[in-house]
mmCIF file of all heavy atoms, coordinates in Angstrom:
data_MODEL
# 
_entry.id   MODEL 
# 
loop_
_atom_site.group_PDB 
_atom_site.id 
_atom_site.type_symbol 
_atom_site.label_atom_id 
_atom_site.label_alt_id 
_atom_site.label_comp_id 
_atom_site.label_asym_id 
_atom_site.label_entity_id 
_atom_site.label_seq_id 
_atom_site.pdbx_PDB_ins_code 
_atom_site.Cartn_x 
_atom_site.Cartn_y 
_atom_site.Cartn_z 
_atom_site.occupancy 
_atom_site.B_iso_or_equiv 
_atom_site.pdbx_formal_charge 
_atom_site.auth_seq_id 
_atom_site.auth_comp_id 
_atom_site.auth_asym_id 
_atom_site.auth_atom_id 
_atom_site.pdbx_PDB_model_num 
ATOM 1   N N   . GLU A 1 1  ? 115.168 -10.447 215.363 1.00 0.00 ? 1  GLU A N   1 
ATOM 2   C CA  . GLU A 1 1  ? 114.896 -11.603 216.320 1.00 0.00 ? 1  GLU A CA  1 
ATOM 3   C C   . GLU A 1 1  ? 114.201 -11.077 217.681 1.00 0.00 ? 1  GLU A C   1 
ATOM 4   O O   . GLU A 1 1  ? 113.212 -11.661 218.078 1.00 0.00 ? 1  GLU A O   1 
ATOM 5   C CB  . GLU A 1 1  ? 116.167 -12.281 216.633 1.00 0.00 ? 1  GLU A CB  1 
ATOM 6   C CG  . GLU A 1 1  ? 115.905 -13.404 217.694 1.00 0.00 ? 1  GLU A CG  1 
ATOM 7   C CD  . GLU A 1 1  ? 117.120 -14.202 218.017 1.00 0.00 ? 1  GLU A CD  1 
ATOM 8   O OE1 . GLU A 1 1  ? 118.203 -14.206 217.312 1.00 0.00 ? 1  GLU A OE1 1 
ATOM 9   O OE2 . GLU A 1 1  ? 117.100 -14.919 219.067 1.00 0.00 ? 1  GLU A OE2 1 
ATOM 10  N N   . PRO A 1 2  ? 114.619 -9.941  218.251 1.00 0.00 ? 2  PRO A N   1 
ATOM 11  C CA  . PRO A 1 2  ? 113.952 -9.514  219.457 1.00 0.00 ? 2  PRO A CA  1 
ATOM 12  C C   . PRO A 1 2  ? 112.562 -9.110  219.119 1.00 0.00 ? 2  PRO A C   1 
ATOM 13  O O   . PRO A 1 2  ? 111.589 -9.325  220.066 1.00 0.00 ? 2  PRO A O   1 
ATOM 14  C CB  . PRO A 1 2  ? 114.800 -8.306  219.834 1.00 0.00 ? 2  PRO A CB  1 
ATOM 15  C CG  . PRO A 1 2  ? 116.113 -8.446  219.265 1.00 0.00 ? 2  PRO A CG  1 
ATOM 16  C CD  . PRO A 1 2  ? 115.909 -9.219  217.949 1.00 0.00 ? 2  PRO A CD  1 
ATOM 17  N N   . LEU A 1 3  ? 112.251 -8.543  217.937 1.00 0.00 ? 3  LEU A N   1 
ATOM 18  C CA  . LEU A 1 3  ? 110.877 -8.256  217.618 1.00 0.00 ? 3  LEU A CA  1 
ATOM 19  C C   . LEU A 1 3  ? 110.029 -9.463  217.474 1.00 0.00 ? 3  LEU A C   1 
ATOM 20  O O   . LEU A 1 3  ? 108.866 -9.428  217.897 1.00 0.00 ? 3  LEU A O   1 
ATOM 21  C CB  . LEU A 1 3  ? 110.879 -7.433  216.358 1.00 0.00 ? 3  LEU A CB  1 
ATOM 22  C CG  . LEU A 1 3  ? 109.543 -6.809  215.804 1.00 0.00 ? 3  LEU A CG  1 
ATOM 23  C CD1 . LEU A 1 3  ? 109.125 -5.667  216.825 1.00 0.00 ? 3  LEU A CD1 1 
ATOM 24  C CD2 . LEU A 1 3  ? 109.738 -6.134  214.483 1.00 0.00 ? 3  LEU A CD2 1 
ATOM 25  N N   . SER A 1 4  ? 110.538 -10.511 216.895 1.00 0.00 ? 4  SER A N   1 
ATOM 26  C CA  . SER A 1 4  ? 109.886 -11.740 216.748 1.00 0.00 ? 4  SER A CA  1 
ATOM 27  C C   . SER A 1 4  ? 109.542 -12.275 218.185 1.00 0.00 ? 4  SER A C   1 
ATOM 28  O O   . SER A 1 4  ? 108.308 -12.741 218.353 1.00 0.00 ? 4  SER A O   1 
ATOM 29  C CB  . SER A 1 4  ? 110.667 -12.791 216.003 1.00 0.00 ? 4  SER A CB  1 
ATOM 30  O OG  . SER A 1 4  ? 110.036 -14.014 215.972 1.00 0.00 ? 4  SER A OG  1 
ATOM 31  N N   . ARG A 1 5  ? 110.412 -12.255 219.037 1.00 0.00 ? 5  ARG A N   1 
ATOM 32  C CA  . ARG A 1 5  ? 110.162 -12.749 220.362 1.00 0.00 ? 5  ARG A CA  1 
ATOM 33  C C   . ARG A 1 5  ? 109.101 -11.893 221.099 1.00 0.00 ? 5  ARG A C   1 
ATOM 34  O O   . ARG A 1 5  ? 108.297 -12.363 221.877 1.00 0.00 ? 5  ARG A O   1 
ATOM 35  C CB  . ARG A 1 5  ? 111.497 -12.743 221.233 1.00 0.00 ? 5  ARG A CB  1 
ATOM 36  C CG  . ARG A 1 5  ? 112.501 -13.830 220.616 1.00 0.00 ? 5  ARG A CG  1 
ATOM 37  C CD  . ARG A 1 5  ? 113.713 -13.924 221.549 1.00 0.00 ? 5  ARG A CD  1 
ATOM 38  N NE  . ARG A 1 5  ? 114.721 -14.794 221.057 1.00 0.00 ? 5  ARG A NE  1 
ATOM 39  C CZ  . ARG A 1 5  ? 114.712 -16.096 221.120 1.00 0.00 ? 5  ARG A CZ  1 
ATOM 40  N NH1 . ARG A 1 5  ? 113.684 -16.725 221.659 1.00 0.00 ? 5  ARG A NH1 1 
ATOM 41  N NH2 . ARG A 1 5  ? 115.631 -16.814 220.566 1.00 0.00 ? 5  ARG A NH2 1 
ATOM 42  N N   . GLN A 1 6  ? 109.152 -10.578 220.832 1.00 0.00 ? 6  GLN A N   1 
ATOM 43  C CA  . GLN A 1 6  ? 108.248 -9.698  221.484 1.00 0.00 ? 6  GLN A CA  1 
ATOM 44  C C   . GLN A 1 6  ? 106.766 -10.052 220.949 1.00 0.00 ? 6  GLN A C   1 
ATOM 45  O O   . GLN A 1 6  ? 105.850 -10.036 221.787 1.00 0.00 ? 6  GLN A O   1 
ATOM 46  C CB  . GLN A 1 6  ? 108.539 -8.214  221.156 1.00 0.00 ? 6  GLN A CB  1 
ATOM 47  C CG  . GLN A 1 6  ? 107.601 -7.149  221.808 1.00 0.00 ? 6  GLN A CG  1 
ATOM 48  C CD  . GLN A 1 6  ? 108.151 -5.794  221.619 1.00 0.00 ? 6  GLN A CD  1 
ATOM 49  O OE1 . GLN A 1 6  ? 109.399 -5.537  221.522 1.00 0.00 ? 6  GLN A OE1 1 
ATOM 50  N NE2 . GLN A 1 6  ? 107.304 -4.807  221.573 1.00 0.00 ? 6  GLN A NE2 1 
ATOM 51  N N   . PHE A 1 7  ? 106.596 -10.328 219.694 1.00 0.00 ? 7  PHE A N   1 
ATOM 52  C CA  . PHE A 1 7  ? 105.323 -10.625 219.146 1.00 0.00 ? 7  PHE A CA  1 
ATOM 53  C C   . PHE A 1 7  ? 104.832 -12.038 219.405 1.00 0.00 ? 7  PHE A C   1 
ATOM 54  O O   . PHE A 1 7  ? 103.659 -12.354 219.326 1.00 0.00 ? 7  PHE A O   1 
ATOM 55  C CB  . PHE A 1 7  ? 105.192 -10.253 217.684 1.00 0.00 ? 7  PHE A CB  1 
ATOM 56  C CG  . PHE A 1 7  ? 104.969 -8.908  217.418 1.00 0.00 ? 7  PHE A CG  1 
ATOM 57  C CD1 . PHE A 1 7  ? 105.921 -7.913  217.280 1.00 0.00 ? 7  PHE A CD1 1 
ATOM 58  C CD2 . PHE A 1 7  ? 103.634 -8.399  217.233 1.00 0.00 ? 7  PHE A CD2 1 
ATOM 59  C CE1 . PHE A 1 7  ? 105.664 -6.555  217.091 1.00 0.00 ? 7  PHE A CE1 1 
ATOM 60  C CE2 . PHE A 1 7  ? 103.345 -7.064  217.019 1.00 0.00 ? 7  PHE A CE2 1 
ATOM 61  C CZ  . PHE A 1 7  ? 104.316 -6.160  216.895 1.00 0.00 ? 7  PHE A CZ  1 
ATOM 62  N N   . ALA A 1 8  ? 105.819 -12.912 219.835 1.00 0.00 ? 8  ALA A N   1 
ATOM 63  C CA  . ALA A 1 8  ? 105.454 -14.250 220.280 1.00 0.00 ? 8  ALA A CA  1 
ATOM 64  C C   . ALA A 1 8  ? 105.024 -14.299 221.770 1.00 0.00 ? 8  ALA A C   1 
ATOM 65  O O   . ALA A 1 8  ? 104.474 -15.300 222.186 1.00 0.00 ? 8  ALA A O   1 
ATOM 66  C CB  . ALA A 1 8  ? 106.610 -15.210 220.086 1.00 0.00 ? 8  ALA A CB  1 
ATOM 67  N N   . GLY A 1 9  ? 105.276 -13.188 222.521 1.00 0.00 ? 9  GLY A N   1 
ATOM 68  C CA  . GLY A 1 9  ? 105.036 -13.205 223.896 1.00 0.00 ? 9  GLY A CA  1 
ATOM 69  C C   . GLY A 1 9  ? 103.649 -12.601 224.209 1.00 0.00 ? 9  GLY A C   1 
ATOM 70  O O   . GLY A 1 9  ? 102.768 -12.402 223.327 1.00 0.00 ? 9  GLY A O   1 
ATOM 71  N N   . LYS A 1 10 ? 103.416 -12.222 225.433 1.00 0.00 ? 10 LYS A N   1 
ATOM 72  C CA  . LYS A 1 10 ? 102.158 -11.646 225.920 1.00 0.00 ? 10 LYS A CA  1 
ATOM 73  C C   . LYS A 1 10 ? 102.459 -10.102 226.196 1.00 0.00 ? 10 LYS A C   1 
ATOM 74  O O   . LYS A 1 10 ? 103.591 -9.685  226.218 1.00 0.00 ? 10 LYS A O   1 
ATOM 75  C CB  . LYS A 1 10 ? 101.693 -12.273 227.222 1.00 0.00 ? 10 LYS A CB  1 
ATOM 76  C CG  . LYS A 1 10 ? 101.516 -13.816 227.119 1.00 0.00 ? 10 LYS A CG  1 
ATOM 77  C CD  . LYS A 1 10 ? 100.226 -14.032 226.341 1.00 0.00 ? 10 LYS A CD  1 
ATOM 78  C CE  . LYS A 1 10 ? 99.957  -15.520 226.270 1.00 0.00 ? 10 LYS A CE  1 
ATOM 79  N NZ  . LYS A 1 10 ? 98.989  -15.904 225.321 1.00 0.00 ? 10 LYS A NZ  1 
ATOM 80  N N   . GLY A 1 11 ? 101.387 -9.454  226.436 1.00 0.00 ? 11 GLY A N   1 
ATOM 81  C CA  . GLY A 1 11 ? 101.508 -8.043  226.813 1.00 0.00 ? 11 GLY A CA  1 
ATOM 82  C C   . GLY A 1 11 ? 101.377 -7.162  225.558 1.00 0.00 ? 11 GLY A C   1 
ATOM 83  O O   . GLY A 1 11 ? 100.854 -7.620  224.570 1.00 0.00 ? 11 GLY A O   1 
ATOM 84  N N   . ASP A 1 12 ? 101.872 -5.918  225.811 1.00 0.00 ? 12 ASP A N   1 
ATOM 85  C CA  . ASP A 1 12 ? 101.714 -4.912  224.658 1.00 0.00 ? 12 ASP A CA  1 
ATOM 86  C C   . ASP A 1 12 ? 102.810 -5.210  223.630 1.00 0.00 ? 12 ASP A C   1 
ATOM 87  O O   . ASP A 1 12 ? 103.978 -4.731  223.773 1.00 0.00 ? 12 ASP A O   1 
ATOM 88  C CB  . ASP A 1 12 ? 101.809 -3.493  225.244 1.00 0.00 ? 12 ASP A CB  1 
ATOM 89  C CG  . ASP A 1 12 ? 101.735 -2.463  224.180 1.00 0.00 ? 12 ASP A CG  1 
ATOM 90  O OD1 . ASP A 1 12 ? 101.470 -2.737  222.997 1.00 0.00 ? 12 ASP A OD1 1 
ATOM 91  O OD2 . ASP A 1 12 ? 101.930 -1.224  224.429 1.00 0.00 ? 12 ASP A OD2 1 
ATOM 92  N N   . ARG A 1 13 ? 102.427 -5.887  222.601 1.00 0.00 ? 13 ARG A N   1 
ATOM 93  C CA  . ARG A 1 13 ? 103.359 -6.300  221.566 1.00 0.00 ? 13 ARG A CA  1 
ATOM 94  C C   . ARG A 1 13 ? 103.895 -5.085  220.765 1.00 0.00 ? 13 ARG A C   1 
ATOM 95  O O   . ARG A 1 13 ? 104.998 -5.200  220.177 1.00 0.00 ? 13 ARG A O   1 
ATOM 96  C CB  . ARG A 1 13 ? 102.799 -7.419  220.719 1.00 0.00 ? 13 ARG A CB  1 
ATOM 97  C CG  . ARG A 1 13 ? 102.566 -8.624  221.453 1.00 0.00 ? 13 ARG A CG  1 
ATOM 98  C CD  . ARG A 1 13 ? 101.849 -9.664  220.678 1.00 0.00 ? 13 ARG A CD  1 
ATOM 99  N NE  . ARG A 1 13 ? 101.667 -10.886 221.509 1.00 0.00 ? 13 ARG A NE  1 
ATOM 100 C CZ  . ARG A 1 13 ? 100.798 -11.831 221.206 1.00 0.00 ? 13 ARG A CZ  1 
ATOM 101 N NH1 . ARG A 1 13 ? 99.999  -11.673 220.133 1.00 0.00 ? 13 ARG A NH1 1 
ATOM 102 N NH2 . ARG A 1 13 ? 100.755 -12.823 221.984 1.00 0.00 ? 13 ARG A NH2 1 
ATOM 103 N N   . PHE A 1 14 ? 103.255 -4.026  220.727 1.00 0.00 ? 14 PHE A N   1 
ATOM 104 C CA  . PHE A 1 14 ? 103.718 -2.909  219.981 1.00 0.00 ? 14 PHE A CA  1 
ATOM 105 C C   . PHE A 1 14 ? 104.447 -1.835  220.707 1.00 0.00 ? 14 PHE A C   1 
ATOM 106 O O   . PHE A 1 14 ? 104.875 -0.899  220.179 1.00 0.00 ? 14 PHE A O   1 
ATOM 107 C CB  . PHE A 1 14 ? 102.422 -2.152  219.276 1.00 0.00 ? 14 PHE A CB  1 
ATOM 108 C CG  . PHE A 1 14 ? 101.900 -2.864  218.123 1.00 0.00 ? 14 PHE A CG  1 
ATOM 109 C CD1 . PHE A 1 14 ? 101.020 -4.016  218.241 1.00 0.00 ? 14 PHE A CD1 1 
ATOM 110 C CD2 . PHE A 1 14 ? 102.357 -2.524  216.759 1.00 0.00 ? 14 PHE A CD2 1 
ATOM 111 C CE1 . PHE A 1 14 ? 100.586 -4.715  217.096 1.00 0.00 ? 14 PHE A CE1 1 
ATOM 112 C CE2 . PHE A 1 14 ? 101.873 -3.193  215.645 1.00 0.00 ? 14 PHE A CE2 1 
ATOM 113 C CZ  . PHE A 1 14 ? 101.064 -4.293  215.802 1.00 0.00 ? 14 PHE A CZ  1 
ATOM 114 N N   . ASN A 1 15 ? 104.768 -2.183  221.993 1.00 0.00 ? 15 ASN A N   1 
ATOM 115 C CA  . ASN A 1 15 ? 105.463 -1.187  222.824 1.00 0.00 ? 15 ASN A CA  1 
ATOM 116 C C   . ASN A 1 15 ? 106.845 -0.977  222.236 1.00 0.00 ? 15 ASN A C   1 
ATOM 117 O O   . ASN A 1 15 ? 107.693 -1.953  222.061 1.00 0.00 ? 15 ASN A O   1 
ATOM 118 C CB  . ASN A 1 15 ? 105.638 -1.841  224.226 1.00 0.00 ? 15 ASN A CB  1 
ATOM 119 C CG  . ASN A 1 15 ? 106.391 -0.826  225.155 1.00 0.00 ? 15 ASN A CG  1 
ATOM 120 O OD1 . ASN A 1 15 ? 106.204 0.394   225.043 1.00 0.00 ? 15 ASN A OD1 1 
ATOM 121 N ND2 . ASN A 1 15 ? 107.125 -1.384  226.088 1.00 0.00 ? 15 ASN A ND2 1 
ATOM 122 N N   . GLY A 1 16 ? 107.182 0.270   221.869 1.00 0.00 ? 16 GLY A N   1 
ATOM 123 C CA  . GLY A 1 16 ? 108.479 0.609   221.273 1.00 0.00 ? 16 GLY A CA  1 
ATOM 124 C C   . GLY A 1 16 ? 108.704 0.275   219.836 1.00 0.00 ? 16 GLY A C   1 
ATOM 125 O O   . GLY A 1 16 ? 109.760 0.297   219.358 1.00 0.00 ? 16 GLY A O   1 
ATOM 126 N N   . VAL A 1 17 ? 107.686 -0.180  219.198 1.00 0.00 ? 17 VAL A N   1 
ATOM 127 C CA  . VAL A 1 17 ? 107.787 -0.742  217.824 1.00 0.00 ? 17 VAL A CA  1 
ATOM 128 C C   . VAL A 1 17 ? 107.297 0.369   216.832 1.00 0.00 ? 17 VAL A C   1 
ATOM 129 O O   . VAL A 1 17 ? 106.249 0.938   216.867 1.00 0.00 ? 17 VAL A O   1 
ATOM 130 C CB  . VAL A 1 17 ? 106.981 -1.969  217.595 1.00 0.00 ? 17 VAL A CB  1 
ATOM 131 C CG1 . VAL A 1 17 ? 106.941 -2.439  216.169 1.00 0.00 ? 17 VAL A CG1 1 
ATOM 132 C CG2 . VAL A 1 17 ? 107.314 -3.102  218.521 1.00 0.00 ? 17 VAL A CG2 1 
ATOM 133 N N   . GLY A 1 18 ? 108.197 0.694   215.865 1.00 0.00 ? 18 GLY A N   1 
ATOM 134 C CA  . GLY A 1 18 ? 107.922 1.619   214.795 1.00 0.00 ? 18 GLY A CA  1 
ATOM 135 C C   . GLY A 1 18 ? 107.058 0.894   213.746 1.00 0.00 ? 18 GLY A C   1 
ATOM 136 O O   . GLY A 1 18 ? 107.392 -0.296  213.378 1.00 0.00 ? 18 GLY A O   1 
ATOM 137 N N   . TRP A 1 19 ? 106.032 1.572   213.315 1.00 0.00 ? 19 TRP A N   1 
ATOM 138 C CA  . TRP A 1 19 ? 105.187 0.940   212.264 1.00 0.00 ? 19 TRP A CA  1 
ATOM 139 C C   . TRP A 1 19 ? 104.490 2.079   211.545 1.00 0.00 ? 19 TRP A C   1 
ATOM 140 O O   . TRP A 1 19 ? 104.481 3.189   211.917 1.00 0.00 ? 19 TRP A O   1 
ATOM 141 C CB  . TRP A 1 19 ? 104.091 0.007   212.880 1.00 0.00 ? 19 TRP A CB  1 
ATOM 142 C CG  . TRP A 1 19 ? 103.198 0.532   213.905 1.00 0.00 ? 19 TRP A CG  1 
ATOM 143 C CD1 . TRP A 1 19 ? 103.448 0.696   215.172 1.00 0.00 ? 19 TRP A CD1 1 
ATOM 144 C CD2 . TRP A 1 19 ? 101.891 1.044   213.633 1.00 0.00 ? 19 TRP A CD2 1 
ATOM 145 N NE1 . TRP A 1 19 ? 102.365 1.262   215.774 1.00 0.00 ? 19 TRP A NE1 1 
ATOM 146 C CE2 . TRP A 1 19 ? 101.378 1.486   214.907 1.00 0.00 ? 19 TRP A CE2 1 
ATOM 147 C CE3 . TRP A 1 19 ? 101.025 1.152   212.489 1.00 0.00 ? 19 TRP A CE3 1 
ATOM 148 C CZ2 . TRP A 1 19 ? 100.100 2.039   215.048 1.00 0.00 ? 19 TRP A CZ2 1 
ATOM 149 C CZ3 . TRP A 1 19 ? 99.755  1.664   212.706 1.00 0.00 ? 19 TRP A CZ3 1 
ATOM 150 C CH2 . TRP A 1 19 ? 99.328  2.104   214.000 1.00 0.00 ? 19 TRP A CH2 1 
ATOM 151 N N   . HIS A 1 20 ? 103.904 1.694   210.332 1.00 0.00 ? 20 HIS A N   1 
ATOM 152 C CA  . HIS A 1 20 ? 103.238 2.685   209.475 1.00 0.00 ? 20 HIS A CA  1 
ATOM 153 C C   . HIS A 1 20 ? 102.006 2.065   208.951 1.00 0.00 ? 20 HIS A C   1 
ATOM 154 O O   . HIS A 1 20 ? 101.809 0.820   209.017 1.00 0.00 ? 20 HIS A O   1 
ATOM 155 C CB  . HIS A 1 20 ? 104.165 3.133   208.361 1.00 0.00 ? 20 HIS A CB  1 
ATOM 156 C CG  . HIS A 1 20 ? 104.701 1.939   207.572 1.00 0.00 ? 20 HIS A CG  1 
ATOM 157 N ND1 . HIS A 1 20 ? 105.805 1.236   208.005 1.00 0.00 ? 20 HIS A ND1 1 
ATOM 158 C CD2 . HIS A 1 20 ? 104.265 1.404   206.390 1.00 0.00 ? 20 HIS A CD2 1 
ATOM 159 C CE1 . HIS A 1 20 ? 106.054 0.291   207.145 1.00 0.00 ? 20 HIS A CE1 1 
ATOM 160 N NE2 . HIS A 1 20 ? 105.182 0.336   206.166 1.00 0.00 ? 20 HIS A NE2 1 
ATOM 161 N N   . GLU A 1 21 ? 101.039 2.868   208.548 1.00 0.00 ? 21 GLU A N   1 
ATOM 162 C CA  . GLU A 1 21 ? 99.743  2.395   208.023 1.00 0.00 ? 21 GLU A CA  1 
ATOM 163 C C   . GLU A 1 21 ? 99.922  1.681   206.756 1.00 0.00 ? 21 GLU A C   1 
ATOM 164 O O   . GLU A 1 21 ? 100.585 2.194   205.844 1.00 0.00 ? 21 GLU A O   1 
ATOM 165 C CB  . GLU A 1 21 ? 98.683  3.480   207.940 1.00 0.00 ? 21 GLU A CB  1 
ATOM 166 C CG  . GLU A 1 21 ? 98.127  4.050   209.265 1.00 0.00 ? 21 GLU A CG  1 
ATOM 167 C CD  . GLU A 1 21 ? 97.294  3.101   209.982 1.00 0.00 ? 21 GLU A CD  1 
ATOM 168 O OE1 . GLU A 1 21 ? 96.775  2.158   209.372 1.00 0.00 ? 21 GLU A OE1 1 
ATOM 169 O OE2 . GLU A 1 21 ? 97.130  3.298   211.207 1.00 0.00 ? 21 GLU A OE2 1 
ATOM 170 N N   . ARG A 1 22 ? 99.175  0.576   206.527 1.00 0.00 ? 22 ARG A N   1 
ATOM 171 C CA  . ARG A 1 22 ? 99.047  -0.105  205.280 1.00 0.00 ? 22 ARG A CA  1 
ATOM 172 C C   . ARG A 1 22 ? 97.577  -0.479  205.113 1.00 0.00 ? 22 ARG A C   1 
ATOM 173 O O   . ARG A 1 22 ? 96.812  -0.441  206.079 1.00 0.00 ? 22 ARG A O   1 
ATOM 174 C CB  . ARG A 1 22 ? 99.908  -1.361  205.196 1.00 0.00 ? 22 ARG A CB  1 
ATOM 175 C CG  . ARG A 1 22 ? 101.429 -0.978  205.305 1.00 0.00 ? 22 ARG A CG  1 
ATOM 176 C CD  . ARG A 1 22 ? 102.400 -2.081  204.967 1.00 0.00 ? 22 ARG A CD  1 
ATOM 177 N NE  . ARG A 1 22 ? 102.090 -2.750  203.685 1.00 0.00 ? 22 ARG A NE  1 
ATOM 178 C CZ  . ARG A 1 22 ? 102.506 -2.283  202.504 1.00 0.00 ? 22 ARG A CZ  1 
ATOM 179 N NH1 . ARG A 1 22 ? 103.306 -1.309  202.427 1.00 0.00 ? 22 ARG A NH1 1 
ATOM 180 N NH2 . ARG A 1 22 ? 102.217 -2.960  201.382 1.00 0.00 ? 22 ARG A NH2 1 
ATOM 181 N N   . ILE A 1 23 ? 97.169  -0.966  203.986 1.00 0.00 ? 23 ILE A N   1 
ATOM 182 C CA  . ILE A 1 23 ? 95.744  -1.232  203.799 1.00 0.00 ? 23 ILE A CA  1 
ATOM 183 C C   . ILE A 1 23 ? 95.364  -2.485  204.546 1.00 0.00 ? 23 ILE A C   1 
ATOM 184 O O   . ILE A 1 23 ? 94.134  -2.638  204.939 1.00 0.00 ? 23 ILE A O   1 
ATOM 185 C CB  . ILE A 1 23 ? 95.311  -1.429  202.267 1.00 0.00 ? 23 ILE A CB  1 
ATOM 186 C CG1 . ILE A 1 23 ? 96.142  -2.547  201.593 1.00 0.00 ? 23 ILE A CG1 1 
ATOM 187 C CG2 . ILE A 1 23 ? 95.545  -0.127  201.542 1.00 0.00 ? 23 ILE A CG2 1 
ATOM 188 C CD1 . ILE A 1 23 ? 95.716  -2.852  200.181 1.00 0.00 ? 23 ILE A CD1 1 
ATOM 189 N N   . GLY A 1 24 ? 96.245  -3.377  204.871 1.00 0.00 ? 24 GLY A N   1 
ATOM 190 C CA  . GLY A 1 24 ? 95.986  -4.603  205.595 1.00 0.00 ? 24 GLY A CA  1 
ATOM 191 C C   . GLY A 1 24 ? 96.054  -4.381  207.124 1.00 0.00 ? 24 GLY A C   1 
ATOM 192 O O   . GLY A 1 24 ? 95.384  -5.173  207.866 1.00 0.00 ? 24 GLY A O   1 
# 
């Protein structure tokens, strides 16, 4: 839920978010 709210807001949405490369 906090991640969803972060990506629904403004600013650096990837701040503190773990992610990995995918083809898309």
